[in-house]
PDB file of N, CA and C in Angstrom:
ATOM      1  N   MET A   1     -11.644   8.986 -12.126  1.00  0.00           N
ATOM      2  CA  MET A   1     -10.558   9.908 -11.935  1.00  0.00           C
ATOM      3  C   MET A   1      -9.232   9.151 -12.057  1.00  0.00           C
ATOM      4  N   ILE A   2      -8.299   9.714 -12.792  1.00  0.00           N
ATOM      5  CA  ILE A   2      -6.986   9.109 -12.953  1.00  0.00           C
ATOM      6  C   ILE A   2      -5.979   9.924 -12.155  1.00  0.00           C
ATOM      7  N   ILE A   3      -5.240   9.244 -11.290  1.00  0.00           N
ATOM      8  CA  ILE A   3      -4.194   9.894 -10.508  1.00  0.00           C
ATOM      9  C   ILE A   3      -2.874   9.278 -10.918  1.00  0.00           C
ATOM     10  N   ARG A   4      -1.920  10.123 -11.278  1.00  0.00           N
ATOM     11  CA  ARG A   4      -0.601   9.668 -11.672  1.00  0.00           C
ATOM     12  C   ARG A   4       0.420  10.296 -10.718  1.00  0.00           C
ATOM     13  N   PRO A   5       1.051   9.505  -9.844  1.00  0.00           N
ATOM     14  CA  PRO A   5       2.041  10.062  -8.919  1.00  0.00           C
ATOM     15  C   PRO A   5       3.209  10.699  -9.672  1.00  0.00           C
ATOM     16  N   ILE A   6       3.726  11.777  -9.122  1.00  0.00           N
ATOM     17  CA  ILE A   6       4.863  12.470  -9.714  1.00  0.00           C
ATOM     18  C   ILE A   6       6.121  12.052  -8.963  1.00  0.00           C
ATOM     19  N   GLY A   7       7.168  11.768  -9.702  1.00  0.00           N
ATOM     20  CA  GLY A   7       8.427  11.360  -9.091  1.00  0.00           C
ATOM     21  C   GLY A   7       8.388   9.923  -8.607  1.00  0.00           C
ATOM     22  N   GLU A   8       9.239   9.629  -7.661  1.00  0.00           N
ATOM     23  CA  GLU A   8       9.379   8.263  -7.155  1.00  0.00           C
ATOM     24  C   GLU A   8       8.382   8.000  -6.030  1.00  0.00           C
ATOM     25  N   ARG A   9       7.107   8.117  -6.363  1.00  0.00           N
ATOM     26  CA  ARG A   9       6.031   7.880  -5.400  1.00  0.00           C
ATOM     27  C   ARG A   9       5.099   6.792  -5.921  1.00  0.00           C
ATOM     28  N   VAL A  10       4.423   6.170  -4.971  1.00  0.00           N
ATOM     29  CA  VAL A  10       3.490   5.098  -5.294  1.00  0.00           C
ATOM     30  C   VAL A  10       2.192   5.381  -4.558  1.00  0.00           C
ATOM     31  N   LEU A  11       1.059   5.248  -5.249  1.00  0.00           N
ATOM     32  CA  LEU A  11      -0.254   5.397  -4.640  1.00  0.00           C
ATOM     33  C   LEU A  11      -0.767   4.011  -4.286  1.00  0.00           C
ATOM     34  N   LEU A  12      -1.094   3.815  -2.998  1.00  0.00           N
ATOM     35  CA  LEU A  12      -1.550   2.516  -2.509  1.00  0.00           C
ATOM     36  C   LEU A  12      -2.938   2.625  -1.910  1.00  0.00           C
ATOM     37  N   LYS A  13      -3.692   1.551  -2.033  1.00  0.00           N
ATOM     38  CA  LYS A  13      -4.925   1.411  -1.262  1.00  0.00           C
ATOM     39  C   LYS A  13      -4.531   0.602  -0.044  1.00  0.00           C
ATOM     40  N   HIS A  14      -4.617   1.236   1.112  1.00  0.00           N
ATOM     41  CA  HIS A  14      -4.185   0.615   2.362  1.00  0.00           C
ATOM     42  C   HIS A  14      -5.089  -0.560   2.706  1.00  0.00           C
ATOM     43  N   GLN A  15      -4.483  -1.680   3.094  1.00  0.00           N
ATOM     44  CA  GLN A  15      -5.236  -2.849   3.527  1.00  0.00           C
ATOM     45  C   GLN A  15      -5.704  -2.620   4.955  1.00  0.00           C
ATOM     46  N   GLN A  16      -6.959  -2.916   5.218  1.00  0.00           N
ATOM     47  CA  GLN A  16      -7.547  -2.710   6.540  1.00  0.00           C
ATOM     48  C   GLN A  16      -7.034  -3.718   7.555  1.00  0.00           C
ATOM     49  N   LYS A  17      -7.086  -3.321   8.811  1.00  0.00           N
ATOM     50  CA  LYS A  17      -6.707  -4.217   9.906  1.00  0.00           C
ATOM     51  C   LYS A  17      -7.751  -5.321  10.036  1.00  0.00           C
ATOM     52  N   GLU A  18      -7.288  -6.477  10.470  1.00  0.00           N
ATOM     53  CA  GLU A  18      -8.217  -7.581  10.688  1.00  0.00           C
ATOM     54  C   GLU A  18      -8.981  -7.361  11.980  1.00  0.00           C
ATOM     55  N   GLU A  19     -10.293  -7.553  11.931  1.00  0.00           N
ATOM     56  CA  GLU A  19     -11.115  -7.414  13.125  1.00  0.00           C
ATOM     57  C   GLU A  19     -11.410  -8.756  13.768  1.00  0.00           C
ATOM     58  N   VAL A  20     -11.291  -9.824  12.986  1.00  0.00           N
ATOM     59  CA  VAL A  20     -11.572 -11.168  13.485  1.00  0.00           C
ATOM     60  C   VAL A  20     -10.457 -12.087  12.994  1.00  0.00           C
ATOM     61  N   THR A  21      -9.959 -12.960  13.854  1.00  0.00           N
ATOM     62  CA  THR A  21      -8.929 -13.907  13.451  1.00  0.00           C
ATOM     63  C   THR A  21      -9.533 -14.973  12.546  1.00  0.00           C
ATOM     64  N   LYS A  22      -8.672 -15.773  11.932  1.00  0.00           N
ATOM     65  CA  LYS A  22      -9.153 -16.863  11.085  1.00  0.00           C
ATOM     66  C   LYS A  22      -9.986 -17.863  11.871  1.00  0.00           C
ATOM     67  N   GLY A  23      -9.708 -17.958  13.177  1.00  0.00           N
ATOM     68  CA  GLY A  23     -10.461 -18.866  14.042  1.00  0.00           C
ATOM     69  C   GLY A  23     -11.773 -18.287  14.538  1.00  0.00           C
ATOM     70  N   GLY A  24     -12.060 -17.002  14.172  1.00  0.00           N
ATOM     71  CA  GLY A  24     -13.322 -16.390  14.546  1.00  0.00           C
ATOM     72  C   GLY A  24     -13.292 -15.561  15.819  1.00  0.00           C
ATOM     73  N   ILE A  25     -12.108 -15.322  16.365  1.00  0.00           N
ATOM     74  CA  ILE A  25     -11.993 -14.544  17.596  1.00  0.00           C
ATOM     75  C   ILE A  25     -11.932 -13.058  17.254  1.00  0.00           C
ATOM     76  N   TYR A  26     -12.749 -12.251  17.928  1.00  0.00           N
ATOM     77  CA  TYR A  26     -12.774 -10.808  17.716  1.00  0.00           C
ATOM     78  C   TYR A  26     -11.530 -10.162  18.329  1.00  0.00           C
ATOM     79  N   ILE A  27     -10.867  -9.277  17.569  1.00  0.00           N
ATOM     80  CA  ILE A  27      -9.685  -8.574  18.063  1.00  0.00           C
ATOM     81  C   ILE A  27     -10.104  -7.159  18.446  1.00  0.00           C
ATOM     82  N   PRO A  28      -9.954  -6.777  19.727  1.00  0.00           N
ATOM     83  CA  PRO A  28     -10.335  -5.422  20.124  1.00  0.00           C
ATOM     84  C   PRO A  28      -9.416  -4.381  19.481  1.00  0.00           C
ATOM     85  N   GLU A  29      -9.921  -3.165  19.316  1.00  0.00           N
ATOM     86  CA  GLU A  29      -9.183  -2.077  18.668  1.00  0.00           C
ATOM     87  C   GLU A  29      -7.810  -1.866  19.298  1.00  0.00           C
ATOM     88  N   SER A  30      -7.717  -1.944  20.618  1.00  0.00           N
ATOM     89  CA  SER A  30      -6.454  -1.685  21.318  1.00  0.00           C
ATOM     90  C   SER A  30      -5.392  -2.753  21.039  1.00  0.00           C
ATOM     91  N   ALA A  31      -5.790  -3.936  20.605  1.00  0.00           N
ATOM     92  CA  ALA A  31      -4.841  -5.025  20.376  1.00  0.00           C
ATOM     93  C   ALA A  31      -4.470  -5.204  18.907  1.00  0.00           C
ATOM     94  N   ARG A  32      -5.108  -4.468  18.021  1.00  0.00           N
ATOM     95  CA  ARG A  32      -4.823  -4.626  16.595  1.00  0.00           C
ATOM     96  C   ARG A  32      -3.503  -3.966  16.236  1.00  0.00           C
ATOM     97  N   GLN A  33      -2.738  -4.641  15.405  1.00  0.00           N
ATOM     98  CA  GLN A  33      -1.491  -4.082  14.916  1.00  0.00           C
ATOM     99  C   GLN A  33      -1.748  -3.421  13.566  1.00  0.00           C
ATOM    100  N   GLU A  34      -1.143  -2.270  13.376  1.00  0.00           N
ATOM    101  CA  GLU A  34      -1.287  -1.553  12.105  1.00  0.00           C
ATOM    102  C   GLU A  34      -0.522  -2.305  11.023  1.00  0.00           C
ATOM    103  N   LYS A  35      -1.241  -2.777  10.017  1.00  0.00           N
ATOM    104  CA  LYS A  35      -0.599  -3.449   8.896  1.00  0.00           C
ATOM    105  C   LYS A  35      -0.088  -2.391   7.938  1.00  0.00           C
ATOM    106  N   LYS A  36       1.121  -2.523   7.524  1.00  0.00           N
ATOM    107  CA  LYS A  36       1.662  -1.630   6.512  1.00  0.00           C
ATOM    108  C   LYS A  36       1.720  -2.429   5.221  1.00  0.00           C
ATOM    109  N   GLU A  37       0.548  -2.738   4.730  1.00  0.00           N
ATOM    110  CA  GLU A  37       0.406  -3.520   3.509  1.00  0.00           C
ATOM    111  C   GLU A  37      -0.621  -2.814   2.638  1.00  0.00           C
ATOM    112  N   GLY A  38      -0.379  -2.820   1.337  1.00  0.00           N
ATOM    113  CA  GLY A  38      -1.316  -2.156   0.449  1.00  0.00           C
ATOM    114  C   GLY A  38      -1.280  -2.731  -0.952  1.00  0.00           C
ATOM    115  N   ILE A  39      -2.217  -2.269  -1.755  1.00  0.00           N
ATOM    116  CA  ILE A  39      -2.311  -2.676  -3.154  1.00  0.00           C
ATOM    117  C   ILE A  39      -1.981  -1.461  -4.007  1.00  0.00           C
ATOM    118  N   VAL A  40      -1.082  -1.647  -4.972  1.00  0.00           N
ATOM    119  CA  VAL A  40      -0.642  -0.556  -5.834  1.00  0.00           C
ATOM    120  C   VAL A  40      -1.787  -0.123  -6.745  1.00  0.00           C
ATOM    121  N   ILE A  41      -2.066   1.182  -6.725  1.00  0.00           N
ATOM    122  CA  ILE A  41      -3.094   1.767  -7.577  1.00  0.00           C
ATOM    123  C   ILE A  41      -2.455   2.495  -8.760  1.00  0.00           C
ATOM    124  N   ALA A  42      -1.362   3.236  -8.487  1.00  0.00           N
ATOM    125  CA  ALA A  42      -0.655   3.970  -9.536  1.00  0.00           C
ATOM    126  C   ALA A  42       0.803   4.128  -9.135  1.00  0.00           C
ATOM    127  N   VAL A  43       1.668   4.272 -10.138  1.00  0.00           N
ATOM    128  CA  VAL A  43       3.107   4.322  -9.918  1.00  0.00           C
ATOM    129  C   VAL A  43       3.703   5.502 -10.667  1.00  0.00           C
ATOM    130  N   GLY A  44       4.644   6.203 -10.025  1.00  0.00           N
ATOM    131  CA  GLY A  44       5.369   7.295 -10.675  1.00  0.00           C
ATOM    132  C   GLY A  44       6.557   6.753 -11.456  1.00  0.00           C
ATOM    133  N   THR A  45       7.565   7.601 -11.675  1.00  0.00           N
ATOM    134  CA  THR A  45       8.751   7.199 -12.430  1.00  0.00           C
ATOM    135  C   THR A  45      10.010   7.658 -11.698  1.00  0.00           C
ATOM    136  N   PHE A  46      11.153   7.043 -12.068  1.00  0.00           N
ATOM    137  CA  PHE A  46      12.444   7.510 -11.573  1.00  0.00           C
ATOM    138  C   PHE A  46      12.720   8.882 -12.170  1.00  0.00           C
ATOM    139  N   GLU A  47      13.720   9.580 -11.634  1.00  0.00           N
ATOM    140  CA  GLU A  47      14.069  10.909 -12.127  1.00  0.00           C
ATOM    141  C   GLU A  47      14.432  10.907 -13.607  1.00  0.00           C
ATOM    142  N   ASP A  48      15.025   9.795 -14.085  1.00  0.00           N
ATOM    143  CA  ASP A  48      15.427   9.719 -15.494  1.00  0.00           C
ATOM    144  C   ASP A  48      14.278   9.300 -16.417  1.00  0.00           C
ATOM    145  N   GLY A  49      13.070   9.149 -15.858  1.00  0.00           N
ATOM    146  CA  GLY A  49      11.899   8.806 -16.660  1.00  0.00           C
ATOM    147  C   GLY A  49      11.605   7.327 -16.764  1.00  0.00           C
ATOM    148  N   LYS A  50      12.495   6.466 -16.268  1.00  0.00           N
ATOM    149  CA  LYS A  50      12.248   5.021 -16.312  1.00  0.00           C
ATOM    150  C   LYS A  50      11.157   4.658 -15.320  1.00  0.00           C
ATOM    151  N   GLU A  51      10.408   3.610 -15.651  1.00  0.00           N
ATOM    152  CA  GLU A  51       9.309   3.177 -14.796  1.00  0.00           C
ATOM    153  C   GLU A  51       9.826   2.488 -13.537  1.00  0.00           C
ATOM    154  N   LEU A  52       9.115   2.676 -12.437  1.00  0.00           N
ATOM    155  CA  LEU A  52       9.422   1.958 -11.204  1.00  0.00           C
ATOM    156  C   LEU A  52       9.056   0.489 -11.395  1.00  0.00           C
ATOM    157  N   PRO A  53       9.755  -0.438 -10.715  1.00  0.00           N
ATOM    158  CA  PRO A  53       9.488  -1.867 -10.920  1.00  0.00           C
ATOM    159  C   PRO A  53       8.258  -2.383 -10.173  1.00  0.00           C
ATOM    160  N   LEU A  54       7.171  -1.650 -10.258  1.00  0.00           N
ATOM    161  CA  LEU A  54       5.885  -2.056  -9.680  1.00  0.00           C
ATOM    162  C   LEU A  54       4.814  -1.835 -10.729  1.00  0.00           C
ATOM    163  N   LYS A  55       3.701  -2.537 -10.565  1.00  0.00           N
ATOM    164  CA  LYS A  55       2.588  -2.320 -11.485  1.00  0.00           C
ATOM    165  C   LYS A  55       1.281  -2.318 -10.698  1.00  0.00           C
ATOM    166  N   LYS A  56       0.265  -1.795 -11.312  1.00  0.00           N
ATOM    167  CA  LYS A  56      -1.048  -1.731 -10.682  1.00  0.00           C
ATOM    168  C   LYS A  56      -1.490  -3.140 -10.282  1.00  0.00           C
ATOM    169  N   GLY A  57      -1.978  -3.271  -9.046  1.00  0.00           N
ATOM    170  CA  GLY A  57      -2.460  -4.554  -8.561  1.00  0.00           C
ATOM    171  C   GLY A  57      -1.462  -5.308  -7.701  1.00  0.00           C
ATOM    172  N   ASP A  58      -0.183  -4.909  -7.724  1.00  0.00           N
ATOM    173  CA  ASP A  58       0.814  -5.566  -6.875  1.00  0.00           C
ATOM    174  C   ASP A  58       0.468  -5.341  -5.403  1.00  0.00           C
ATOM    175  N   ARG A  59       0.660  -6.377  -4.594  1.00  0.00           N
ATOM    176  CA  ARG A  59       0.521  -6.246  -3.136  1.00  0.00           C
ATOM    177  C   ARG A  59       1.899  -5.997  -2.573  1.00  0.00           C
ATOM    178  N   VAL A  60       2.033  -4.976  -1.739  1.00  0.00           N
ATOM    179  CA  VAL A  60       3.339  -4.602  -1.205  1.00  0.00           C
ATOM    180  C   VAL A  60       3.298  -4.419   0.305  1.00  0.00           C
ATOM    181  N   ILE A  61       4.466  -4.526   0.911  1.00  0.00           N
ATOM    182  CA  ILE A  61       4.671  -4.187   2.308  1.00  0.00           C
ATOM    183  C   ILE A  61       5.528  -2.940   2.302  1.00  0.00           C
ATOM    184  N   TYR A  62       5.129  -1.940   3.080  1.00  0.00           N
ATOM    185  CA  TYR A  62       5.887  -0.705   3.094  1.00  0.00           C
ATOM    186  C   TYR A  62       6.214  -0.292   4.520  1.00  0.00           C
ATOM    187  N   GLY A  63       7.246   0.511   4.645  1.00  0.00           N
ATOM    188  CA  GLY A  63       7.677   1.004   5.945  1.00  0.00           C
ATOM    189  C   GLY A  63       7.761   2.511   5.885  1.00  0.00           C
ATOM    190  N   GLY A  64       8.619   3.055   6.712  1.00  0.00           N
ATOM    191  CA  GLY A  64       8.804   4.497   6.723  1.00  0.00           C
ATOM    192  C   GLY A  64       7.828   5.182   7.657  1.00  0.00           C
ATOM    193  N   TYR A  65       8.127   6.424   7.929  1.00  0.00           N
ATOM    194  CA  TYR A  65       7.311   7.193   8.851  1.00  0.00           C
ATOM    195  C   TYR A  65       6.412   8.186   8.147  1.00  0.00           C
ATOM    196  N   GLN A  66       6.735   8.496   6.897  1.00  0.00           N
ATOM    197  CA  GLN A  66       5.949   9.503   6.201  1.00  0.00           C
ATOM    198  C   GLN A  66       5.107   8.866   5.117  1.00  0.00           C
ATOM    199  N   ALA A  67       3.838   9.115   5.195  1.00  0.00           N
ATOM    200  CA  ALA A  67       2.894   8.674   4.176  1.00  0.00           C
ATOM    201  C   ALA A  67       1.771   9.704   4.163  1.00  0.00           C
ATOM    202  N   ASP A  68       1.406  10.154   2.987  1.00  0.00           N
ATOM    203  CA  ASP A  68       0.344  11.150   2.863  1.00  0.00           C
ATOM    204  C   ASP A  68      -0.951  10.451   2.500  1.00  0.00           C
ATOM    205  N   GLU A  69      -1.943  10.567   3.377  1.00  0.00           N
ATOM    206  CA  GLU A  69      -3.233   9.914   3.152  1.00  0.00           C
ATOM    207  C   GLU A  69      -4.182  10.860   2.438  1.00  0.00           C
ATOM    208  N   ILE A  70      -4.960  10.293   1.525  1.00  0.00           N
ATOM    209  CA  ILE A  70      -6.007  11.054   0.855  1.00  0.00           C
ATOM    210  C   ILE A  70      -7.268  10.198   0.833  1.00  0.00           C
ATOM    211  N   GLU A  71      -8.403  10.832   0.626  1.00  0.00           N
ATOM    212  CA  GLU A  71      -9.667  10.110   0.528  1.00  0.00           C
ATOM    213  C   GLU A  71     -10.347  10.502  -0.774  1.00  0.00           C
ATOM    214  N   LEU A  72     -10.684   9.508  -1.583  1.00  0.00           N
ATOM    215  CA  LEU A  72     -11.370   9.711  -2.854  1.00  0.00           C
ATOM    216  C   LEU A  72     -12.542   8.745  -2.927  1.00  0.00           C
ATOM    217  N   ASP A  73     -13.708   9.260  -3.241  1.00  0.00           N
ATOM    218  CA  ASP A  73     -14.902   8.410  -3.371  1.00  0.00           C
ATOM    219  C   ASP A  73     -15.086   7.510  -2.151  1.00  0.00           C
ATOM    220  N   ASP A  74     -14.914   8.066  -0.953  1.00  0.00           N
ATOM    221  CA  ASP A  74     -15.077   7.351   0.315  1.00  0.00           C
ATOM    222  C   ASP A  74     -14.100   6.196   0.506  1.00  0.00           C
ATOM    223  N   GLU A  75     -13.017   6.185  -0.246  1.00  0.00           N
ATOM    224  CA  GLU A  75     -11.966   5.177  -0.093  1.00  0.00           C
ATOM    225  C   GLU A  75     -10.697   5.884   0.373  1.00  0.00           C
ATOM    226  N   LYS A  76      -9.935   5.240   1.268  1.00  0.00           N
ATOM    227  CA  LYS A  76      -8.693   5.833   1.758  1.00  0.00           C
ATOM    228  C   LYS A  76      -7.510   5.283   0.972  1.00  0.00           C
ATOM    229  N   TYR A  77      -6.644   6.201   0.554  1.00  0.00           N
ATOM    230  CA  TYR A  77      -5.439   5.870  -0.187  1.00  0.00           C
ATOM    231  C   TYR A  77      -4.257   6.527   0.506  1.00  0.00           C
ATOM    232  N   VAL A  78      -3.055   6.036   0.189  1.00  0.00           N
ATOM    233  CA  VAL A  78      -1.853   6.591   0.791  1.00  0.00           C
ATOM    234  C   VAL A  78      -0.769   6.697  -0.281  1.00  0.00           C
ATOM    235  N   PHE A  79      -0.066   7.843  -0.285  1.00  0.00           N
ATOM    236  CA  PHE A  79       1.104   8.028  -1.132  1.00  0.00           C
ATOM    237  C   PHE A  79       2.330   7.681  -0.298  1.00  0.00           C
ATOM    238  N   VAL A  80       3.204   6.812  -0.819  1.00  0.00           N
ATOM    239  CA  VAL A  80       4.460   6.503  -0.140  1.00  0.00           C
ATOM    240  C   VAL A  80       5.603   6.677  -1.133  1.00  0.00           C
ATOM    241  N   ASP A  81       6.774   6.977  -0.601  1.00  0.00           N
ATOM    242  CA  ASP A  81       7.959   7.052  -1.446  1.00  0.00           C
ATOM    243  C   ASP A  81       8.363   5.644  -1.848  1.00  0.00           C
ATOM    244  N   PHE A  82       8.870   5.514  -3.077  1.00  0.00           N
ATOM    245  CA  PHE A  82       9.287   4.204  -3.569  1.00  0.00           C
ATOM    246  C   PHE A  82      10.340   3.582  -2.658  1.00  0.00           C
ATOM    247  N   LYS A  83      11.219   4.390  -2.082  1.00  0.00           N
ATOM    248  CA  LYS A  83      12.279   3.863  -1.206  1.00  0.00           C
ATOM    249  C   LYS A  83      11.706   3.202   0.038  1.00  0.00           C
ATOM    250  N   ASP A  84      10.449   3.494   0.383  1.00  0.00           N
ATOM    251  CA  ASP A  84       9.818   2.901   1.564  1.00  0.00           C
ATOM    252  C   ASP A  84       9.108   1.584   1.266  1.00  0.00           C
ATOM    253  N   ILE A  85       9.048   1.192  -0.011  1.00  0.00           N
ATOM    254  CA  ILE A  85       8.464  -0.107  -0.367  1.00  0.00           C
ATOM    255  C   ILE A  85       9.518  -1.164  -0.061  1.00  0.00           C
ATOM    256  N   MET A  86       9.189  -2.090   0.842  1.00  0.00           N
ATOM    257  CA  MET A  86      10.164  -3.089   1.275  1.00  0.00           C
ATOM    258  C   MET A  86      10.070  -4.395   0.493  1.00  0.00           C
ATOM    259  N   ALA A  87       8.866  -4.776   0.049  1.00  0.00           N
ATOM    260  CA  ALA A  87       8.718  -6.069  -0.618  1.00  0.00           C
ATOM    261  C   ALA A  87       7.387  -6.132  -1.350  1.00  0.00           C
ATOM    262  N   THR A  88       7.320  -7.021  -2.331  1.00  0.00           N
ATOM    263  CA  THR A  88       6.040  -7.355  -2.948  1.00  0.00           C
ATOM    264  C   THR A  88       5.615  -8.701  -2.389  1.00  0.00           C
ATOM    265  N   ILE A  89       4.320  -8.914  -2.325  1.00  0.00           N
ATOM    266  CA  ILE A  89       3.774 -10.171  -1.818  1.00  0.00           C
ATOM    267  C   ILE A  89       3.329 -10.998  -3.014  1.00  0.00           C
ATOM    268  N   VAL A  90       3.875 -12.188  -3.116  1.00  0.00           N
ATOM    269  CA  VAL A  90       3.556 -13.074  -4.225  1.00  0.00           C
ATOM    270  C   VAL A  90       2.855 -14.292  -3.647  1.00  0.00           C
ATOM    271  N   ASP A  91       1.646 -14.560  -4.130  1.00  0.00           N
ATOM    272  CA  ASP A  91       0.917 -15.740  -3.680  1.00  0.00           C
ATOM    273  C   ASP A  91       1.353 -16.928  -4.518  1.00  0.00           C
ATOM    274  N   GLU A  92       2.133 -17.805  -3.921  1.00  0.00           N
ATOM    275  CA  GLU A  92       2.578 -19.004  -4.618  1.00  0.00           C
ATOM    276  C   GLU A  92       2.026 -20.233  -3.929  1.00  0.00           C
ATOM    277  N   LYS A  93       1.613 -21.160  -4.704  1.00  0.00           N
ATOM    278  CA  LYS A  93       1.176 -22.446  -4.165  1.00  0.00           C
ATOM    279  C   LYS A  93       2.403 -23.332  -4.063  1.00  0.00           C
ATOM    280  N   CYS A  94       2.693 -23.826  -2.879  1.00  0.00           N
ATOM    281  CA  CYS A  94       3.903 -24.658  -2.678  1.00  0.00           C
ATOM    282  C   CYS A  94       3.669 -26.073  -3.144  1.00  0.00           C
TER     283      CYS A  94
END
């Protein structure tokens, strides 16, 4: 199935919360912080038809209070407005 967001929206696959720390310690549900991080699945366009400066596969951090969640093929996805994307995550080796 191909989903193409309309307008200045981005479809993300939400990254799951960590259940175990890197050191192997289990984090109880009540202590987990909601990560607002996701992987771009599809991108809409600006009103003038220009492409948004994101591409499929980008890792992003997003904010905002409104996000529409959907479930497809037992996977959870979220639509967010482009204005709520705060940053892309770039893995660089120092």
